[in-house]
Amino acid sequence: MCVALPGKIIETDGTNGKVDFQGNIVNVNMGVVNAQVGDYVLVHAGCAIEVMKKEMAEEIIELFAELENLHNES
C-alpha cells in the first residue's frame, strides 16, 4: 500500500520544489500541479499530485502524528 502525504511548499524552481514535511525538507516534482510557495500539496512517490487547502492538510498531518504516537506507545 502507498500513502500520499501533505506538505508545505517552501521553494519552487520551475517544475521542481522543496516541500516541508514536519521539518523534513524533500525535493518534489511539481510538474502536475499549479502551486506556489506557501501552498500545501499532497505528495506521492516524489510528485505533488494535488494542491490542498491548509485546513485539510493540517488535519491529515495531525492524524498521522496521532498514529505515530500510538505506534510508539506499543
Protein backbone atom coordinates (compact mmCIF):
# COMPACT_ATOMS: atom_id res chain seq x y z
CA MET A 1 0.00 0.00 0.00
CA CYS A 2 1.22 3.50 -0.84
CA VAL A 3 0.34 6.64 1.07
CA ALA A 4 0.42 10.24 -0.15
CA LEU A 5 1.47 12.84 2.42
CA PRO A 6 0.69 16.55 2.69
CA GLY A 7 3.48 19.07 2.97
CA LYS A 8 4.07 22.80 2.62
CA ILE A 9 5.96 24.20 -0.35
CA ILE A 10 8.90 26.32 0.81
CA GLU A 11 10.65 26.82 -2.54
CA THR A 12 9.91 26.34 -6.25
CA ASP A 13 12.06 26.38 -9.35
CA GLY A 14 10.04 25.59 -12.45
CA THR A 15 8.77 22.04 -12.17
CA ASN A 16 10.79 21.27 -9.04
CA GLY A 17 10.22 22.36 -5.48
CA LYS A 18 11.16 21.80 -1.88
CA VAL A 19 8.39 20.65 0.42
CA ASP A 20 8.48 20.69 4.21
CA PHE A 21 7.07 17.58 5.88
CA GLN A 22 7.18 18.49 9.58
CA GLY A 23 10.82 19.62 9.36
CA ASN A 24 11.91 17.09 6.73
CA ILE A 25 12.69 19.01 3.53
CA VAL A 26 12.20 16.93 0.38
CA ASN A 27 12.75 17.69 -3.31
CA VAL A 28 9.45 17.17 -5.14
CA ASN A 29 8.44 17.19 -8.80
CA MET A 30 5.80 19.91 -9.18
CA GLY A 31 5.03 19.38 -12.87
CA VAL A 32 1.48 18.07 -12.35
CA VAL A 33 0.19 20.90 -10.14
CA ASN A 34 -0.04 24.67 -10.31
CA ALA A 35 1.23 25.56 -6.84
CA GLN A 36 3.23 28.34 -5.20
CA VAL A 37 5.39 28.81 -2.12
CA GLY A 38 3.16 28.57 0.95
CA ASP A 39 0.67 26.16 -0.65
CA TYR A 40 0.10 22.69 0.76
CA VAL A 41 0.39 19.79 -1.67
CA LEU A 42 -0.31 16.09 -1.48
CA VAL A 43 2.85 14.20 -2.48
CA HIS A 44 3.06 10.62 -3.72
CA ALA A 45 6.25 8.93 -4.98
CA GLY A 46 8.13 12.23 -5.12
CA CYS A 47 5.46 14.04 -7.14
CA ALA A 48 3.00 16.68 -5.99
CA ILE A 49 -0.36 15.32 -7.16
CA GLU A 50 -2.83 17.82 -5.68
CA VAL A 51 -2.92 21.28 -4.12
CA MET A 52 -4.71 21.10 -0.77
CA LYS A 53 -6.49 23.56 1.45
CA LYS A 54 -4.40 24.37 4.50
CA GLU A 55 -7.07 23.15 6.92
CA MET A 56 -7.33 19.73 5.25
CA ALA A 57 -3.56 19.32 5.09
CA GLU A 58 -3.19 20.19 8.77
CA GLU A 59 -5.94 17.73 9.70
CA ILE A 60 -4.19 14.90 7.85
CA ILE A 61 -0.81 15.85 9.35
CA GLU A 62 -2.39 15.72 12.81
CA LEU A 63 -3.92 12.29 12.12
CA PHE A 64 -0.54 10.89 11.03
CA ALA A 65 1.05 12.33 14.21
CA GLU A 66 -1.59 10.61 16.34
CA LEU A 67 -0.97 7.29 14.54
CA GLU A 68 2.77 7.67 15.10
CA ASN A 69 2.22 8.35 18.82
CA LEU A 70 0.01 5.27 19.13
CA HIS A 71 2.63 3.17 17.38
CA ASN A 72 5.40 4.45 19.67
CA GLU A 73 3.32 3.63 22.76
CA SER A 74 3.01 -0.05 21.84
